[in-house]
Amino acid sequence: MNRVFPSRSPVPAFFAFLALLTAVALLCSACSALPAEERSFAVVFGVSGGAGDWTLHARVPTYQTGGGYLTVTGRGDTLPHALADLDAAAPMQLHPGQARMIVLSADTACSADFPQVMAWLTQWRALRSGAYLAVTPMALDAFMQALEPATGTRLSKSLDVLVQSRLQQGVIPGSTLAEVLSMGERQSPVLLNADVSEGALILAGGWPVGEDGRAAQEPLTAEDMQLLSLMQGRLTQGTLSLDEGAVRLTGASVDVSVSLPTLQAAHVTLTLQAADSPLTAEDLSRAVASACLRLLNRLSALGSDALGLGRQAIVHMSDMDAWHALDWPQRLQAMEWAVSVGVE
């Protein structure tokens, strides 16, 4: 028996579909506005001043639809007081858990107050340990105000990309807060050099910290940093810039040893694989060895153990009293360096 079903009009289905589209459009329009934020996640912190007169800066997102960043400033007679003033000035609760960089003015980094800054940073538990420690030679307020994303809309991502690129080139040190704090008395940190030129952030060179706990008065150049990165084993490929010309490295290895038991001499042995070199193998070997030796003597004069010879020396001490009696910074300043470079 055949059954006949009544036909359905397409009109109700059309209106149901239209209602669905309207609901989706309303939901999407509601999602277009940014949700209310409860915290200001600072991307960069700045520290300047000294005992009795500290200034802290924080570069934070505006969290507005169009994006953008603003600089918040706090002042105080101590660093904790300056931080409290910074919190009070922030539009929302300030949080350091996403910080990419902590930038010190050169005046502060090169002063006797710098160890106090480092001690304070170690006590700031919420601070991101992967933040890079940097020094700028320019006025800190102007530096902070100039920080904008070079690519994309997020300053944090832009800084991550720039730092990784410069690390691969070997022109900046690996100076995260975690790395610097892990060095202890066995190695001296080198802080990243940060500057702004024509509105663009420039990361190149470094500020070695000497035996007195202060940064050097003059930073290392990008070329100096490449040599140091080479001797630290961090630069193994890429373009190496020398006074005699640019060399493309396809491989590099290094061995650093300190003489035992005297601990009065150290030997750096480099093995390079090079291509597209304007120099002969012999000339390249001589040029790299000479440049490295000049840099090592400069660092030693500062009492800066940037290669971490102290890591080797300390294991030969019977206890910490013997280590302190050795007076490693003084021993380092009189270190006799030798550099050998082989080119394959």
Protein backbone atom coordinates (compact mmCIF):
# COMPACT_ATOMS: atom_id res chain seq x y z
CA MET A 1 0.00 0.00 0.00
CA ASN A 2 1.45 3.28 -1.06
CA ARG A 3 1.55 6.13 1.42
CA VAL A 4 1.44 9.72 0.39
CA PHE A 5 3.35 12.20 2.57
CA PRO A 6 2.44 15.85 2.43
CA SER A 7 5.17 18.01 0.88
CA ARG A 8 6.96 20.48 3.15
CA SER A 9 7.28 24.08 2.22
CA PRO A 10 10.92 25.28 1.88
CA VAL A 11 10.02 28.57 3.58
CA PRO A 12 10.25 27.43 7.24
CA ALA A 13 13.61 25.72 6.53
CA PHE A 14 14.92 28.90 4.94
CA PHE A 15 13.96 30.96 8.00
CA ALA A 16 15.57 28.38 10.31
CA PHE A 17 18.80 28.62 8.31
CA LEU A 18 18.64 32.41 8.40
CA ALA A 19 18.15 32.32 12.17
CA LEU A 20 21.22 30.09 12.50
CA LEU A 21 23.35 32.51 10.44
CA THR A 22 22.14 35.41 12.56
CA ALA A 23 23.05 33.60 15.78
CA VAL A 24 26.55 32.80 14.46
CA ALA A 25 27.05 36.42 13.39
CA LEU A 26 26.06 37.66 16.84
CA LEU A 27 28.44 35.23 18.52
CA CYS A 28 31.31 36.30 16.28
CA SER A 29 30.65 39.98 16.89
CA ALA A 30 30.70 39.30 20.62
CA CYS A 31 34.07 37.55 20.26
CA SER A 32 35.69 40.39 18.33
CA ALA A 33 36.27 42.51 21.42
CA LEU A 34 39.20 41.54 23.64
CA PRO A 35 38.18 40.08 26.99
CA ALA A 36 38.83 42.18 30.08
CA GLU A 37 42.38 41.58 31.33
CA GLU A 38 43.18 41.19 34.98
CA ARG A 39 46.98 41.44 34.80
CA SER A 40 49.61 43.50 33.00
CA PHE A 41 52.21 41.01 31.78
CA ALA A 42 55.35 43.10 31.44
CA VAL A 43 57.49 42.22 28.42
CA VAL A 44 60.59 44.26 29.38
CA PHE A 45 61.72 45.68 32.71
CA GLY A 46 64.22 48.51 33.07
CA VAL A 47 66.42 49.32 36.09
CA SER A 48 68.35 52.55 36.62
CA GLY A 49 69.61 54.71 39.47
CA GLY A 50 71.42 53.60 42.58
CA ALA A 51 71.37 53.46 46.35
CA GLY A 52 68.68 55.76 47.72
CA ASP A 53 67.22 56.65 44.31
CA TRP A 54 65.99 53.80 42.13
CA THR A 55 63.81 53.92 39.02
CA LEU A 56 62.03 50.93 37.51
CA HIS A 57 60.30 50.80 34.14
CA ALA A 58 57.96 48.20 32.66
CA ARG A 59 56.88 47.90 29.03
CA VAL A 60 53.37 46.43 29.03
CA PRO A 61 50.67 45.78 26.40
CA THR A 62 47.72 48.16 26.33
CA TYR A 63 45.37 45.20 25.68
CA GLN A 64 43.36 47.41 23.36
CA THR A 65 41.85 46.15 20.10
CA GLY A 66 44.41 48.06 18.03
CA GLY A 67 47.33 46.73 20.10
CA GLY A 68 50.19 48.89 21.30
CA TYR A 69 52.44 49.20 24.34
CA LEU A 70 52.98 51.70 27.12
CA THR A 71 55.77 52.30 29.63
CA VAL A 72 54.99 52.36 33.34
CA THR A 73 57.47 53.94 35.78
CA GLY A 74 58.02 53.58 39.51
CA ARG A 75 60.52 55.22 41.86
CA GLY A 76 61.73 54.57 45.39
CA ASP A 77 64.63 54.79 47.80
CA THR A 78 65.02 51.00 47.61
CA LEU A 79 64.33 48.52 44.83
CA PRO A 80 61.36 46.96 46.68
CA HIS A 81 59.89 50.43 47.23
CA ALA A 82 60.39 51.28 43.54
CA LEU A 83 58.65 48.02 42.60
CA ALA A 84 55.72 48.85 44.87
CA ASP A 85 55.45 52.26 43.19
CA LEU A 86 55.62 50.57 39.78
CA ASP A 87 52.78 48.23 40.74
CA ALA A 88 50.70 51.20 41.86
CA ALA A 89 51.30 53.00 38.55
CA ALA A 90 50.34 50.02 36.38
CA PRO A 91 46.83 50.06 34.89
CA MET A 92 46.32 46.48 36.12
CA GLN A 93 48.11 44.11 38.46
CA LEU A 94 51.69 43.87 37.19
CA HIS A 95 53.10 40.38 36.58
CA PRO A 96 56.72 39.53 35.59
CA GLY A 97 56.08 35.95 34.49
CA GLN A 98 56.30 36.76 30.75
CA ALA A 99 59.29 39.13 30.86
CA ARG A 100 61.69 38.69 27.94
CA MET A 101 64.37 41.13 29.01
CA ILE A 102 65.66 43.05 32.03
CA VAL A 103 67.58 46.10 30.85
CA LEU A 104 69.92 48.10 33.07
CA SER A 105 71.28 51.53 32.32
CA ALA A 106 75.04 51.46 31.70
CA ASP A 107 75.57 53.80 34.66
CA THR A 108 73.88 51.32 36.99
CA ALA A 109 75.50 48.19 35.52
CA CYS A 110 78.97 49.73 35.78
CA SER A 111 78.49 50.97 39.34
CA ALA A 112 79.02 49.42 42.76
CA ASP A 113 75.22 49.07 42.99
CA PHE A 114 75.04 46.38 40.30
CA PRO A 115 75.61 43.44 42.72
CA GLN A 116 72.68 44.79 44.74
CA VAL A 117 70.47 44.64 41.65
CA MET A 118 71.47 41.03 41.02
CA ALA A 119 70.78 40.08 44.63
CA TRP A 120 67.33 41.67 44.38
CA LEU A 121 66.52 39.87 41.13
CA THR A 122 67.29 36.50 42.74
CA GLN A 123 64.64 37.23 45.39
CA TRP A 124 61.95 38.16 42.84
CA ARG A 125 60.45 34.68 42.65
CA ALA A 126 57.76 35.42 40.05
CA LEU A 127 60.28 36.83 37.57
CA ARG A 128 60.74 34.71 34.45
CA SER A 129 64.14 33.01 34.70
CA GLY A 130 64.47 32.94 30.91
CA ALA A 131 64.54 36.75 30.70
CA TYR A 132 67.79 38.10 29.23
CA LEU A 133 69.93 40.50 31.24
CA ALA A 134 70.93 43.45 29.08
CA VAL A 135 72.66 46.81 29.38
CA THR A 136 71.91 49.89 27.30
CA PRO A 137 74.21 52.90 26.87
CA MET A 138 71.28 55.23 26.14
CA ALA A 139 68.86 56.90 28.55
CA LEU A 140 66.69 54.10 29.89
CA ASP A 141 63.36 55.93 29.65
CA ALA A 142 63.99 56.70 25.97
CA PHE A 143 65.08 53.10 25.35
CA MET A 144 61.93 51.67 26.92
CA GLN A 145 59.67 54.05 25.03
CA ALA A 146 61.24 52.99 21.72
CA LEU A 147 60.45 49.28 22.19
CA GLU A 148 57.90 48.17 19.61
CA PRO A 149 57.43 44.92 17.69
CA ALA A 150 59.73 44.80 14.67
CA THR A 151 57.58 42.05 13.18
CA GLY A 152 53.99 41.11 13.89
CA THR A 153 52.02 42.71 16.71
CA ARG A 154 53.54 41.08 19.81
CA LEU A 155 56.68 42.57 21.33
CA SER A 156 57.44 39.33 23.18
CA LYS A 157 57.47 37.27 19.98
CA SER A 158 59.47 39.93 18.13
CA LEU A 159 62.13 39.89 20.88
CA ASP A 160 62.26 36.08 20.92
CA VAL A 161 62.92 35.98 17.18
CA LEU A 162 65.56 38.73 17.30
CA VAL A 163 67.44 37.20 20.23
CA GLN A 164 67.53 33.74 18.65
CA SER A 165 68.81 35.19 15.38
CA ARG A 166 71.63 37.08 17.11
CA LEU A 167 72.53 34.07 19.23
CA GLN A 168 72.93 31.98 16.08
CA GLN A 169 75.19 34.68 14.65
CA GLY A 170 77.23 34.62 17.87
CA VAL A 171 77.08 38.42 18.28
CA ILE A 172 75.39 38.39 21.70
CA PRO A 173 76.02 36.34 24.86
CA GLY A 174 73.71 33.77 26.37
CA SER A 175 72.78 35.83 29.41
CA THR A 176 69.40 34.73 30.72
CA LEU A 177 68.79 35.29 34.41
CA ALA A 178 68.94 31.53 34.99
CA GLU A 179 72.28 31.19 33.16
CA VAL A 180 73.87 34.11 34.98
CA LEU A 181 72.77 32.91 38.41
CA SER A 182 73.99 29.37 37.71
CA MET A 183 77.54 30.63 37.10
CA GLY A 184 78.17 31.50 40.73
CA GLU A 185 81.87 31.99 41.46
CA ARG A 186 82.98 29.61 38.68
CA GLN A 187 82.33 31.84 35.66
CA SER A 188 81.81 35.52 34.94
CA PRO A 189 78.71 36.61 33.02
CA VAL A 190 78.67 38.78 29.94
CA LEU A 191 75.50 40.83 29.61
CA LEU A 192 73.75 41.55 26.33
CA ASN A 193 74.31 44.99 24.77
CA ALA A 194 71.05 46.65 23.67
CA ASP A 195 70.64 49.92 21.82
CA VAL A 196 68.18 51.70 19.54
CA SER A 197 69.14 53.21 16.21
CA GLU A 198 66.66 55.02 13.96
CA GLY A 199 63.79 53.51 15.92
CA ALA A 200 65.03 49.91 15.57
CA LEU A 201 66.27 47.72 18.43
CA ILE A 202 69.90 46.69 18.00
CA LEU A 203 71.23 43.66 19.88
CA ALA A 204 74.98 43.27 19.34
CA GLY A 205 77.99 43.00 21.64
CA GLY A 206 78.20 42.40 25.37
CA TRP A 207 79.23 43.85 28.73
CA PRO A 208 81.65 41.58 30.64
CA VAL A 209 81.34 41.60 34.41
CA GLY A 210 84.67 41.93 36.24
CA GLU A 211 85.99 40.63 39.54
CA ASP A 212 84.50 43.64 41.36
CA GLY A 213 80.99 42.59 40.33
CA ARG A 214 80.53 45.54 37.96
CA ALA A 215 80.11 45.58 34.21
CA ALA A 216 83.08 46.90 32.23
CA GLN A 217 83.07 50.57 31.27
CA GLU A 218 83.21 49.69 27.56
CA PRO A 219 81.21 46.87 25.95
CA LEU A 220 82.60 44.20 23.68
CA THR A 221 81.83 44.72 20.00
CA ALA A 222 79.80 42.29 17.91
CA GLU A 223 83.10 41.02 16.46
CA ASP A 224 84.52 40.50 19.96
CA MET A 225 81.39 38.58 20.92
CA GLN A 226 81.78 36.29 17.91
CA LEU A 227 85.30 35.40 19.02
CA LEU A 228 84.10 34.80 22.57
CA SER A 229 81.19 32.69 21.31
CA LEU A 230 83.68 30.70 19.25
CA MET A 231 85.85 30.02 22.31
CA GLN A 232 82.78 29.15 24.39
CA GLY A 233 81.72 26.59 21.80
CA ARG A 234 78.48 28.42 21.00
CA LEU A 235 79.43 29.55 17.48
CA THR A 236 80.12 26.61 15.17
CA GLN A 237 78.69 27.75 11.84
CA GLY A 238 78.00 31.01 10.04
CA THR A 239 79.92 34.11 9.08
CA LEU A 240 82.87 35.08 11.26
CA SER A 241 83.86 38.74 10.91
CA LEU A 242 87.56 39.55 11.21
CA ASP A 243 89.56 42.69 10.50
CA GLU A 244 91.10 40.80 7.59
CA GLY A 245 87.72 39.89 6.09
CA ALA A 246 84.64 37.71 6.56
CA VAL A 247 84.96 33.93 6.71
CA ARG A 248 82.17 31.39 6.39
CA LEU A 249 82.51 28.70 9.04
CA THR A 250 81.12 25.27 8.24
CA GLY A 251 82.25 23.78 11.55
CA ALA A 252 84.22 24.59 14.70
CA SER A 253 85.31 22.86 17.89
CA VAL A 254 87.17 24.11 20.95
CA ASP A 255 89.05 22.82 23.96
CA VAL A 256 89.96 25.04 26.91
CA SER A 257 92.32 23.80 29.61
CA VAL A 258 94.07 25.31 32.60
CA SER A 259 97.53 24.21 33.72
CA LEU A 260 97.72 21.94 36.74
CA PRO A 261 98.66 22.17 39.51
CA THR A 262 99.81 25.80 39.19
CA LEU A 263 96.62 27.22 37.64
CA GLN A 264 98.75 29.99 36.17
CA ALA A 265 98.36 29.32 32.45
CA ALA A 266 95.52 28.38 30.11
CA HIS A 267 95.41 27.04 26.57
CA VAL A 268 92.59 27.48 24.04
CA THR A 269 92.66 25.08 21.08
CA LEU A 270 90.35 25.86 18.16
CA THR A 271 89.72 23.72 15.11
CA LEU A 272 87.91 25.47 12.26
CA GLN A 273 86.36 24.29 9.02
CA ALA A 274 86.13 27.30 6.74
CA ALA A 275 84.89 28.10 3.26
CA ASP A 276 84.89 31.21 1.08
CA SER A 277 87.81 32.63 3.04
CA PRO A 278 89.79 35.55 1.62
CA LEU A 279 92.74 34.26 3.67
CA THR A 280 94.97 31.25 3.34
CA ALA A 281 94.64 28.61 6.04
CA GLU A 282 97.84 29.84 7.64
CA ASP A 283 96.78 33.49 7.59
CA LEU A 284 93.32 32.61 8.93
CA SER A 285 94.88 30.61 11.76
CA ARG A 286 97.17 33.49 12.65
CA ALA A 287 94.39 36.12 12.46
CA VAL A 288 91.95 34.21 14.68
CA ALA A 289 94.63 33.29 17.23
CA SER A 290 95.85 36.88 17.48
CA ALA A 291 92.33 38.32 17.84
CA CYS A 292 91.37 35.73 20.48
CA LEU A 293 94.53 36.37 22.46
CA ARG A 294 93.89 40.12 22.56
CA LEU A 295 90.35 39.51 23.77
CA LEU A 296 91.40 37.02 26.45
CA ASN A 297 94.03 39.38 27.82
CA ARG A 298 91.47 42.18 27.94
CA LEU A 299 88.99 40.00 29.83
CA SER A 300 91.68 38.79 32.23
CA ALA A 301 92.69 42.37 33.03
CA LEU A 302 89.07 42.95 34.10
CA GLY A 303 89.08 39.79 36.21
CA SER A 304 86.36 38.40 33.93
CA ASP A 305 86.33 34.61 33.70
CA ALA A 306 84.08 34.50 30.63
CA LEU A 307 85.37 31.06 29.56
CA GLY A 308 84.64 29.54 32.94
CA LEU A 309 88.17 28.40 33.84
CA GLY A 310 86.98 28.51 37.43
CA ARG A 311 84.84 25.44 36.69
CA GLN A 312 88.03 23.49 36.08
CA ALA A 313 90.03 25.09 38.87
CA ILE A 314 87.48 24.65 41.64
CA VAL A 315 87.33 20.85 41.29
CA HIS A 316 91.00 20.66 42.25
CA MET A 317 90.43 22.46 45.55
CA SER A 318 90.07 20.37 48.69
CA ASP A 319 87.24 22.54 50.03
CA MET A 320 85.68 26.00 49.70
CA ASP A 321 88.18 27.49 52.16
CA ALA A 322 90.99 26.44 49.83
CA TRP A 323 89.08 27.90 46.87
CA HIS A 324 88.67 31.28 48.56
CA ALA A 325 92.29 31.25 49.72
CA LEU A 326 93.34 30.79 46.10
CA ASP A 327 91.91 34.25 45.26
CA TRP A 328 90.82 33.15 41.80
CA PRO A 329 90.05 36.66 40.43
CA GLN A 330 93.60 37.76 41.25
CA ARG A 331 95.01 34.57 39.75
CA LEU A 332 92.92 35.12 36.62
CA GLN A 333 94.27 38.64 36.11
CA ALA A 334 97.81 37.22 35.88
CA MET A 335 96.80 34.29 33.66
CA GLU A 336 99.18 33.41 30.82
CA TRP A 337 97.11 32.60 27.75
CA ALA A 338 98.03 30.59 24.68
CA VAL A 339 95.77 30.13 21.64
CA SER A 340 96.22 27.52 18.92
CA VAL A 341 94.05 27.53 15.81
CA GLY A 342 93.92 24.74 13.26
CA VAL A 343 92.14 25.20 9.93
CA GLU A 344 90.84 22.22 7.97
